[in-house]
Every structure is written in structure tokens, then in C-alpha cells.
């Protein structure tokens, strides 16, 4: 059983070993952080055998602007060559545009002031090995990183053999292409534009849509966060129009 511990099952004896990877000062001092030079990659957590990451906490400091999007987090399960997680640090924890903000959800929490303490409670099981890397892609500035990675280790792979592996990916289109009504009217003619937009323009197959996720295999889609900034707002422009479309197993209609 690797489910989230609650007060209801707190007294149940389970067969696992708790382990924490952290940035603590191994000399016994109080320099409990790691420093990453520009372009540097470090492995912050790695272990063999079967287990499950239960909690990740991080807090950071860097002089670069929007550095939460310039630091990349990668996670590898069971000896894979391509990471199952490859995402800017801030976006992984739910922070868009490299801006620190407070918010609380079931799997993610950013607090207390401007989202500086980043927490993740997504369970991340593995059967053979796990590795987590952090890369500082800032051009000139060092990154200071404090972190905990809390893991449960199990006696054998049977505890996680049938469990899905955690995946996260990051996509960006800047600027987005948007759409144009072919031969459509000038927006100064509001009535003609309204007819073309609401009555003539149809989208049933997702062509031209912004792709949030494309994946193959068995699994659960557990969600995303979508961050949009509109630089050239005009009257009656609203970037939230249109539908979210999810196509499963090759179906022609979402």
C-alpha cells in the first residue's frame, strides 16, 4: 500500500523505509543549500530499487529575471534515457511566466510569501531506479537551491510494478499563432465580423488548436495549468474563446 497516509490509516504498519535527499550542510554547519553555476547540472536525488517519491519541497534564490523559468527540472524512472519529467522549475510547481505567487491545491502548494516555498505531493513510483536533475540555464547568474525529496523505499518491485509512472512536460508558443477568418471582414465592421466569428467559423476536428498534450500508452491525464499573457488587447478580443478538445484513442471527434 503506497497510498497517501491519513489519520484513518496512520496506525497501519507498512513495510517500507523512509529516505530523504536534501541540500543539508554535510559539515554540520548551516549552509543548507546547493549553488548552481550558469549552465551547471546537478543530480539532487538518486536511488536504486523500488520506491515512491511522496513529497518534494524547494525554495530558491537567483538574481536573474524570471529565473523560475530558466531553471529546468528533469526526472528519470527505471533507467530510461529520456526524462519522464522535463519542465522549468516554476512551471512544474504551478507558477506561470516565471512569477512567484501563492496558491494551494491538493497536489501543489506555493507559500507563504510570493510562492517561495514550493511543495509537490504527487506520488511518483519507480521499480528499479529514480534520478532527479536540476539545470541552471541562466546566462550569468548563480542559482541557490534548498530542497527536500522524501521517498519511500520498498523491499521489492512488486509494490510498484502495476503503478503508472509520473510524467510532466512543458510546451510554449510565443507568440501564439491564433487564427484568422479567411477572407473575413475588418473588425471595424462589428456586425459582419460577429457573423463570421459566431456563425461561419466552425472547428470540430481541432485543426490549428494549441496542443497541450500528445501522448501514447495507458495512463491517467491528471491536468495542466495554462498561462496566457495578451500583449495586444483590442476591443472584443478575448483569448479564452474556443473549446478545450480531448481526443482519446484516435477518435475523430473530441
C-alpha atoms as a PDB file:
ATOM      1  CA  UNK A   1       0.000   0.000   0.000  1.00  0.00           C
ATOM      2  CA  UNK A   2       1.595   3.280  -1.070  1.00  0.00           C
ATOM      3  CA  UNK A   3      -1.472   5.496  -0.804  1.00  0.00           C
ATOM      4  CA  UNK A   4      -1.375   8.810   0.960  1.00  0.00           C
ATOM      5  CA  UNK A   5      -1.221   8.397   4.712  1.00  0.00           C
ATOM      6  CA  UNK A   6      -4.222   9.816   6.539  1.00  0.00           C
ATOM      7  CA  UNK A   7      -5.180   9.810  10.192  1.00  0.00           C
ATOM      8  CA  UNK A   8      -7.518   6.902   9.404  1.00  0.00           C
ATOM      9  CA  UNK A   9      -4.724   4.520   8.431  1.00  0.00           C
ATOM     10  CA  UNK A  10      -1.929   6.107  10.436  1.00  0.00           C
ATOM     11  CA  UNK A  11      -1.721   3.091  12.778  1.00  0.00           C
ATOM     12  CA  UNK A  12      -1.362   0.564   9.934  1.00  0.00           C
ATOM     13  CA  UNK A  13       2.145  -0.938   9.974  1.00  0.00           C
ATOM     14  CA  UNK A  14       3.671  -0.791   6.493  1.00  0.00           C
ATOM     15  CA  UNK A  15       6.816  -2.389   5.129  1.00  0.00           C
ATOM     16  CA  UNK A  16       8.937   0.466   3.784  1.00  0.00           C
ATOM     17  CA  UNK A  17      11.962   2.591   4.598  1.00  0.00           C
ATOM     18  CA  UNK A  18      11.774   6.370   4.630  1.00  0.00           C
ATOM     19  CA  UNK A  19      14.588   8.300   2.980  1.00  0.00           C
ATOM     20  CA  UNK A  20      15.178  11.995   2.404  1.00  0.00           C
ATOM     21  CA  UNK A  21      17.501  13.621  -0.105  1.00  0.00           C
ATOM     22  CA  UNK A  22      18.216  17.213   0.842  1.00  0.00           C
ATOM     23  CA  UNK A  23      20.565  20.147   0.449  1.00  0.00           C
ATOM     24  CA  UNK A  24      21.686  19.961   4.064  1.00  0.00           C
ATOM     25  CA  UNK A  25      25.222  21.009   5.058  1.00  0.00           C
ATOM     26  CA  UNK A  26      27.147  17.750   5.401  1.00  0.00           C
ATOM     27  CA  UNK A  27      29.786  19.514   7.537  1.00  0.00           C
ATOM     28  CA  UNK A  28      27.226  20.084  10.289  1.00  0.00           C
ATOM     29  CA  UNK A  29      27.025  23.810   9.603  1.00  0.00           C
ATOM     30  CA  UNK A  30      24.058  25.860   8.448  1.00  0.00           C
ATOM     31  CA  UNK A  31      24.855  26.274   4.738  1.00  0.00           C
ATOM     32  CA  UNK A  32      21.859  24.109   3.840  1.00  0.00           C
ATOM     33  CA  UNK A  33      21.779  24.890   0.124  1.00  0.00           C
ATOM     34  CA  UNK A  34      23.431  23.985  -3.164  1.00  0.00           C
ATOM     35  CA  UNK A  35      24.826  26.551  -5.597  1.00  0.00           C
ATOM     36  CA  UNK A  36      24.482  26.001  -9.358  1.00  0.00           C
ATOM     37  CA  UNK A  37      26.726  27.973 -11.699  1.00  0.00           C
ATOM     38  CA  UNK A  38      25.276  29.164 -15.037  1.00  0.00           C
ATOM     39  CA  UNK A  39      24.815  26.129 -17.290  1.00  0.00           C
ATOM     40  CA  UNK A  40      25.517  23.648 -14.488  1.00  0.00           C
ATOM     41  CA  UNK A  41      23.518  20.439 -13.956  1.00  0.00           C
ATOM     42  CA  UNK A  42      23.488  18.509 -10.681  1.00  0.00           C
ATOM     43  CA  UNK A  43      21.762  15.310  -9.584  1.00  0.00           C
ATOM     44  CA  UNK A  44      19.836  16.192  -6.429  1.00  0.00           C
ATOM     45  CA  UNK A  45      18.316  12.735  -5.772  1.00  0.00           C
ATOM     46  CA  UNK A  46      19.115   9.228  -6.993  1.00  0.00           C
ATOM     47  CA  UNK A  47      18.497   5.738  -5.655  1.00  0.00           C
ATOM     48  CA  UNK A  48      18.134   2.175  -6.889  1.00  0.00           C
ATOM     49  CA  UNK A  49      15.457  -0.368  -6.139  1.00  0.00           C
ATOM     50  CA  UNK A  50      11.717   0.144  -5.829  1.00  0.00           C
ATOM     51  CA  UNK A  51      10.094   3.098  -4.172  1.00  0.00           C
ATOM     52  CA  UNK A  52       7.856   6.143  -4.447  1.00  0.00           C
ATOM     53  CA  UNK A  53       8.577   9.849  -4.098  1.00  0.00           C
ATOM     54  CA  UNK A  54       5.929  11.199  -1.725  1.00  0.00           C
ATOM     55  CA  UNK A  55       6.890  14.863  -1.327  1.00  0.00           C
ATOM     56  CA  UNK A  56       9.202  17.453  -2.893  1.00  0.00           C
ATOM     57  CA  UNK A  57       9.935  20.832  -1.297  1.00  0.00           C
ATOM     58  CA  UNK A  58      12.139  23.550  -2.762  1.00  0.00           C
ATOM     59  CA  UNK A  59      12.932  27.187  -2.281  1.00  0.00           C
ATOM     60  CA  UNK A  60      15.338  29.219  -4.377  1.00  0.00           C
ATOM     61  CA  UNK A  61      17.235  32.441  -4.821  1.00  0.00           C
ATOM     62  CA  UNK A  62      18.683  33.945  -8.001  1.00  0.00           C
ATOM     63  CA  UNK A  63      19.333  37.450  -9.353  1.00  0.00           C
ATOM     64  CA  UNK A  64      18.186  36.631 -12.906  1.00  0.00           C
ATOM     65  CA  UNK A  65      14.782  37.958 -14.019  1.00  0.00           C
ATOM     66  CA  UNK A  66      12.046  35.312 -14.269  1.00  0.00           C
ATOM     67  CA  UNK A  67      14.604  32.704 -13.224  1.00  0.00           C
ATOM     68  CA  UNK A  68      11.892  30.215 -12.248  1.00  0.00           C
ATOM     69  CA  UNK A  69      11.529  29.605 -15.997  1.00  0.00           C
ATOM     70  CA  UNK A  70      15.309  29.481 -16.580  1.00  0.00           C
ATOM     71  CA  UNK A  71      15.891  26.552 -14.210  1.00  0.00           C
ATOM     72  CA  UNK A  72      14.978  23.107 -15.590  1.00  0.00           C
ATOM     73  CA  UNK A  73      13.826  20.081 -13.586  1.00  0.00           C
ATOM     74  CA  UNK A  74      14.239  16.566 -15.059  1.00  0.00           C
ATOM     75  CA  UNK A  75      13.176  13.198 -13.616  1.00  0.00           C
ATOM     76  CA  UNK A  76      14.070   9.717 -14.851  1.00  0.00           C
ATOM     77  CA  UNK A  77      12.429   6.436 -13.843  1.00  0.00           C
ATOM     78  CA  UNK A  78      13.823   2.906 -14.092  1.00  0.00           C
ATOM     79  CA  UNK A  79      16.902   3.631 -16.165  1.00  0.00           C
ATOM     80  CA  UNK A  80      15.157   5.473 -19.003  1.00  0.00           C
ATOM     81  CA  UNK A  81      17.310   7.629 -21.290  1.00  0.00           C
ATOM     82  CA  UNK A  82      14.635  10.268 -21.972  1.00  0.00           C
ATOM     83  CA  UNK A  83      13.217  12.073 -18.922  1.00  0.00           C
ATOM     84  CA  UNK A  84       9.608  11.477 -17.921  1.00  0.00           C
ATOM     85  CA  UNK A  85       9.622  14.985 -16.440  1.00  0.00           C
ATOM     86  CA  UNK A  86      11.246  17.913 -18.233  1.00  0.00           C
ATOM     87  CA  UNK A  87       9.908  21.271 -17.150  1.00  0.00           C
ATOM     88  CA  UNK A  88      11.016  24.686 -15.903  1.00  0.00           C
ATOM     89  CA  UNK A  89      11.139  24.637 -12.132  1.00  0.00           C
ATOM     90  CA  UNK A  90       8.442  27.264 -11.608  1.00  0.00           C
ATOM     91  CA  UNK A  91       6.038  25.753 -14.126  1.00  0.00           C
ATOM     92  CA  UNK A  92       6.422  22.302 -12.563  1.00  0.00           C
ATOM     93  CA  UNK A  93       5.179  23.707  -9.260  1.00  0.00           C
ATOM     94  CA  UNK A  94       2.352  25.642 -10.944  1.00  0.00           C
ATOM     95  CA  UNK A  95       3.948  29.076 -11.380  1.00  0.00           C
ATOM     96  CA  UNK A  96       3.470  30.690 -14.794  1.00  0.00           C
ATOM     97  CA  UNK A  97       5.675  33.245 -16.585  1.00  0.00           C
ATOM     98  CA  UNK A  98       8.453  32.816 -14.019  1.00  0.00           C
ATOM     99  CA  UNK A  99       6.391  34.791 -11.487  1.00  0.00           C
ATOM    100  CA  UNK A 100       6.132  33.583  -7.877  1.00  0.00           C
ATOM    101  CA  UNK A 101       2.579  33.610  -6.493  1.00  0.00           C
ATOM    102  CA  UNK A 102       0.752  31.929  -3.632  1.00  0.00           C
ATOM    103  CA  UNK A 103      -1.783  29.192  -4.259  1.00  0.00           C
ATOM    104  CA  UNK A 104      -2.914  25.945  -2.684  1.00  0.00           C
ATOM    105  CA  UNK A 105      -4.251  22.792  -4.365  1.00  0.00           C
ATOM    106  CA  UNK A 106      -4.317  19.116  -3.456  1.00  0.00           C
ATOM    107  CA  UNK A 107      -1.062  18.136  -5.234  1.00  0.00           C
ATOM    108  CA  UNK A 108       0.740  21.512  -5.306  1.00  0.00           C
ATOM    109  CA  UNK A 109       1.229  24.363  -2.845  1.00  0.00           C
ATOM    110  CA  UNK A 110       3.190  27.604  -3.075  1.00  0.00           C
ATOM    111  CA  UNK A 111       3.560  29.673   0.115  1.00  0.00           C
ATOM    112  CA  UNK A 112       3.919  31.647   2.295  1.00  0.00           C
ATOM    113  CA  UNK A 113       5.015  34.904   0.618  1.00  0.00           C
ATOM    114  CA  UNK A 114       5.050  35.119  -3.183  1.00  0.00           C
ATOM    115  CA  UNK A 115       5.195  31.332  -3.524  1.00  0.00           C
ATOM    116  CA  UNK A 116       8.779  30.993  -2.326  1.00  0.00           C
ATOM    117  CA  UNK A 117       8.205  27.602  -0.662  1.00  0.00           C
ATOM    118  CA  UNK A 118       7.242  25.166  -3.427  1.00  0.00           C
ATOM    119  CA  UNK A 119       5.625  21.844  -2.460  1.00  0.00           C
ATOM    120  CA  UNK A 120       4.569  18.862  -4.580  1.00  0.00           C
ATOM    121  CA  UNK A 121       2.646  15.841  -3.247  1.00  0.00           C
ATOM    122  CA  UNK A 122       2.161  13.924  -6.492  1.00  0.00           C
ATOM    123  CA  UNK A 123       3.156  10.275  -5.849  1.00  0.00           C
ATOM    124  CA  UNK A 124       5.952   9.198  -8.212  1.00  0.00           C
ATOM    125  CA  UNK A 125       6.578   5.432  -8.100  1.00  0.00           C
ATOM    126  CA  UNK A 126       9.513   3.533  -9.611  1.00  0.00           C
ATOM    127  CA  UNK A 127      10.583  -0.116  -9.674  1.00  0.00           C
ATOM    128  CA  UNK A 128      14.310  -0.088 -10.454  1.00  0.00           C
ATOM    129  CA  UNK A 129      15.751   3.385 -10.077  1.00  0.00           C
ATOM    130  CA  UNK A 130      14.964   7.081  -9.945  1.00  0.00           C
ATOM    131  CA  UNK A 131      17.065  10.186 -10.657  1.00  0.00           C
ATOM    132  CA  UNK A 132      16.261  13.895 -10.382  1.00  0.00           C
ATOM    133  CA  UNK A 133      18.398  16.574 -12.010  1.00  0.00           C
ATOM    134  CA  UNK A 134      18.331  20.377 -11.879  1.00  0.00           C
ATOM    135  CA  UNK A 135      19.958  22.594 -14.527  1.00  0.00           C
ATOM    136  CA  UNK A 136      20.625  26.310 -14.160  1.00  0.00           C
ATOM    137  CA  UNK A 137      20.096  27.809 -17.637  1.00  0.00           C
ATOM    138  CA  UNK A 138      20.622  31.404 -16.516  1.00  0.00           C
ATOM    139  CA  UNK A 139      23.267  33.139 -18.641  1.00  0.00           C
ATOM    140  CA  UNK A 140      25.293  34.840 -15.887  1.00  0.00           C
ATOM    141  CA  UNK A 141      23.667  34.321 -12.503  1.00  0.00           C
ATOM    142  CA  UNK A 142      24.197  31.570  -9.935  1.00  0.00           C
ATOM    143  CA  UNK A 143      21.211  29.679  -8.562  1.00  0.00           C
ATOM    144  CA  UNK A 144      20.867  28.906  -4.880  1.00  0.00           C
ATOM    145  CA  UNK A 145      18.625  25.891  -4.221  1.00  0.00           C
ATOM    146  CA  UNK A 146      17.268  24.470  -0.977  1.00  0.00           C
ATOM    147  CA  UNK A 147      15.418  21.160  -1.348  1.00  0.00           C
ATOM    148  CA  UNK A 148      13.883  18.054   0.224  1.00  0.00           C
ATOM    149  CA  UNK A 149      12.937  14.934  -1.749  1.00  0.00           C
ATOM    150  CA  UNK A 150      11.066  12.494   0.518  1.00  0.00           C
ATOM    151  CA  UNK A 151      10.963   8.877  -0.667  1.00  0.00           C
ATOM    152  CA  UNK A 152       9.537   5.554   0.482  1.00  0.00           C
ATOM    153  CA  UNK A 153      11.718   2.528  -0.406  1.00  0.00           C
ATOM    154  CA  UNK A 154      10.121  -0.941  -0.699  1.00  0.00           C
ATOM    155  CA  UNK A 155      11.590  -4.446  -0.296  1.00  0.00           C
ATOM    156  CA  UNK A 156      10.934  -5.431  -3.929  1.00  0.00           C
ATOM    157  CA  UNK A 157       9.447  -4.202  -7.189  1.00  0.00           C
ATOM    158  CA  UNK A 158       6.080  -5.897  -6.632  1.00  0.00           C
ATOM    159  CA  UNK A 159       4.891  -2.835  -4.680  1.00  0.00           C
ATOM    160  CA  UNK A 160       5.128  -0.579  -7.746  1.00  0.00           C
ATOM    161  CA  UNK A 161       5.093  -2.959 -10.741  1.00  0.00           C
ATOM    162  CA  UNK A 162       1.467  -2.211 -11.674  1.00  0.00           C
ATOM    163  CA  UNK A 163       1.566   1.517 -10.980  1.00  0.00           C
ATOM    164  CA  UNK A 164       1.688   4.214 -13.652  1.00  0.00           C
ATOM    165  CA  UNK A 165       4.773   6.406 -13.866  1.00  0.00           C
ATOM    166  CA  UNK A 166       4.501  10.146 -13.325  1.00  0.00           C
ATOM    167  CA  UNK A 167       5.073  12.332 -16.398  1.00  0.00           C
ATOM    168  CA  UNK A 168       5.092  16.097 -16.886  1.00  0.00           C
ATOM    169  CA  UNK A 169       6.012  18.140 -19.944  1.00  0.00           C
ATOM    170  CA  UNK A 170       6.184  21.821 -20.759  1.00  0.00           C
ATOM    171  CA  UNK A 171       5.119  23.476 -24.000  1.00  0.00           C
ATOM    172  CA  UNK A 172       5.284  27.066 -25.137  1.00  0.00           C
ATOM    173  CA  UNK A 173       4.272  29.078 -28.182  1.00  0.00           C
ATOM    174  CA  UNK A 174       5.413  32.689 -28.093  1.00  0.00           C
ATOM    175  CA  UNK A 175       3.654  34.417 -29.643  1.00  0.00           C
ATOM    176  CA  UNK A 176       0.747  32.108 -30.333  1.00  0.00           C
ATOM    177  CA  UNK A 177      -0.413  31.975 -33.933  1.00  0.00           C
ATOM    178  CA  UNK A 178      -4.062  32.407 -33.067  1.00  0.00           C
ATOM    179  CA  UNK A 179      -6.415  32.277 -36.022  1.00  0.00           C
ATOM    180  CA  UNK A 180      -7.639  34.468 -38.807  1.00  0.00           C
ATOM    181  CA  UNK A 181     -11.000  34.215 -40.530  1.00  0.00           C
ATOM    182  CA  UNK A 182     -10.129  33.507 -44.191  1.00  0.00           C
ATOM    183  CA  UNK A 183     -11.312  36.479 -46.175  1.00  0.00           C
ATOM    184  CA  UNK A 184     -13.039  37.686 -43.069  1.00  0.00           C
ATOM    185  CA  UNK A 185     -14.320  41.210 -42.563  1.00  0.00           C
ATOM    186  CA  UNK A 186     -12.438  44.005 -40.933  1.00  0.00           C
ATOM    187  CA  UNK A 187     -13.129  44.160 -37.209  1.00  0.00           C
ATOM    188  CA  UNK A 188     -14.273  47.724 -37.558  1.00  0.00           C
ATOM    189  CA  UNK A 189     -17.409  46.240 -39.144  1.00  0.00           C
ATOM    190  CA  UNK A 190     -18.591  44.661 -35.916  1.00  0.00           C
ATOM    191  CA  UNK A 191     -21.770  43.071 -37.191  1.00  0.00           C
ATOM    192  CA  UNK A 192     -20.075  41.445 -40.188  1.00  0.00           C
ATOM    193  CA  UNK A 193     -17.208  40.245 -38.000  1.00  0.00           C
ATOM    194  CA  UNK A 194     -19.614  38.916 -35.371  1.00  0.00           C
ATOM    195  CA  UNK A 195     -21.465  36.867 -38.005  1.00  0.00           C
ATOM    196  CA  UNK A 196     -18.237  35.460 -39.444  1.00  0.00           C
ATOM    197  CA  UNK A 197     -16.902  34.613 -35.981  1.00  0.00           C
ATOM    198  CA  UNK A 198     -20.007  33.195 -34.322  1.00  0.00           C
ATOM    199  CA  UNK A 199     -21.911  31.759 -37.273  1.00  0.00           C
ATOM    200  CA  UNK A 200     -19.478  30.948 -40.082  1.00  0.00           C
ATOM    201  CA  UNK A 201     -16.335  29.809 -38.265  1.00  0.00           C
ATOM    202  CA  UNK A 202     -16.558  26.188 -37.069  1.00  0.00           C
ATOM    203  CA  UNK A 203     -13.952  23.885 -35.538  1.00  0.00           C
ATOM    204  CA  UNK A 204     -14.848  20.236 -34.959  1.00  0.00           C
ATOM    205  CA  UNK A 205     -11.533  18.476 -35.582  1.00  0.00           C
ATOM    206  CA  UNK A 206      -9.081  20.587 -33.570  1.00  0.00           C
ATOM    207  CA  UNK A 207      -7.126  21.741 -36.615  1.00  0.00           C
ATOM    208  CA  UNK A 208      -4.986  24.729 -35.725  1.00  0.00           C
ATOM    209  CA  UNK A 209      -5.573  24.305 -31.991  1.00  0.00           C
ATOM    210  CA  UNK A 210      -2.761  24.808 -29.490  1.00  0.00           C
ATOM    211  CA  UNK A 211      -1.670  21.302 -28.395  1.00  0.00           C
ATOM    212  CA  UNK A 212      -1.406  20.920 -24.626  1.00  0.00           C
ATOM    213  CA  UNK A 213      -0.514  17.213 -24.553  1.00  0.00           C
ATOM    214  CA  UNK A 214       0.186  14.447 -27.045  1.00  0.00           C
ATOM    215  CA  UNK A 215       0.871  11.026 -25.529  1.00  0.00           C
ATOM    216  CA  UNK A 216       0.609   7.300 -26.248  1.00  0.00           C
ATOM    217  CA  UNK A 217       0.048   4.300 -23.977  1.00  0.00           C
ATOM    218  CA  UNK A 218      -2.065   3.595 -20.930  1.00  0.00           C
ATOM    219  CA  UNK A 219      -2.404   6.230 -18.273  1.00  0.00           C
ATOM    220  CA  UNK A 220      -4.356   8.938 -16.493  1.00  0.00           C
ATOM    221  CA  UNK A 221      -4.424  12.551 -17.604  1.00  0.00           C
ATOM    222  CA  UNK A 222      -4.409  14.442 -14.321  1.00  0.00           C
ATOM    223  CA  UNK A 223      -4.496  18.019 -15.581  1.00  0.00           C
ATOM    224  CA  UNK A 224      -2.433  21.043 -16.555  1.00  0.00           C
ATOM    225  CA  UNK A 225      -2.021  24.704 -15.845  1.00  0.00           C
ATOM    226  CA  UNK A 226      -2.259  27.090 -18.757  1.00  0.00           C
ATOM    227  CA  UNK A 227      -0.658  30.524 -18.550  1.00  0.00           C
ATOM    228  CA  UNK A 228      -1.534  33.235 -21.083  1.00  0.00           C
ATOM    229  CA  UNK A 229      -0.393  36.830 -21.452  1.00  0.00           C
ATOM    230  CA  UNK A 230      -2.126  39.053 -24.007  1.00  0.00           C
ATOM    231  CA  UNK A 231       0.181  41.814 -25.218  1.00  0.00           C
ATOM    232  CA  UNK A 232      -2.084  43.494 -27.798  1.00  0.00           C
ATOM    233  CA  UNK A 233      -5.628  43.562 -26.490  1.00  0.00           C
ATOM    234  CA  UNK A 234      -8.214  45.143 -28.738  1.00  0.00           C
ATOM    235  CA  UNK A 235     -11.897  45.728 -28.187  1.00  0.00           C
ATOM    236  CA  UNK A 236     -13.781  42.430 -28.304  1.00  0.00           C
ATOM    237  CA  UNK A 237     -10.571  40.362 -28.282  1.00  0.00           C
ATOM    238  CA  UNK A 238     -10.749  37.553 -25.737  1.00  0.00           C
ATOM    239  CA  UNK A 239      -8.132  34.812 -25.803  1.00  0.00           C
ATOM    240  CA  UNK A 240     -10.331  32.399 -23.865  1.00  0.00           C
ATOM    241  CA  UNK A 241     -12.783  31.700 -26.679  1.00  0.00           C
ATOM    242  CA  UNK A 242     -12.832  28.257 -28.248  1.00  0.00           C
ATOM    243  CA  UNK A 243     -13.106  24.847 -26.617  1.00  0.00           C
ATOM    244  CA  UNK A 244     -10.740  22.514 -24.894  1.00  0.00           C
ATOM    245  CA  UNK A 245     -10.697  19.329 -27.003  1.00  0.00           C
ATOM    246  CA  UNK A 246      -9.547  15.918 -25.797  1.00  0.00           C
ATOM    247  CA  UNK A 247      -9.149  13.161 -28.388  1.00  0.00           C
ATOM    248  CA  UNK A 248      -8.761   9.643 -26.963  1.00  0.00           C
ATOM    249  CA  UNK A 249      -7.569   6.531 -28.846  1.00  0.00           C
ATOM    250  CA  UNK A 250      -7.781   8.100 -32.314  1.00  0.00           C
ATOM    251  CA  UNK A 251     -11.391   9.205 -32.146  1.00  0.00           C
ATOM    252  CA  UNK A 252     -12.307  11.711 -34.909  1.00  0.00           C
ATOM    253  CA  UNK A 253     -14.486  13.900 -32.681  1.00  0.00           C
ATOM    254  CA  UNK A 254     -13.334  15.095 -29.253  1.00  0.00           C
END
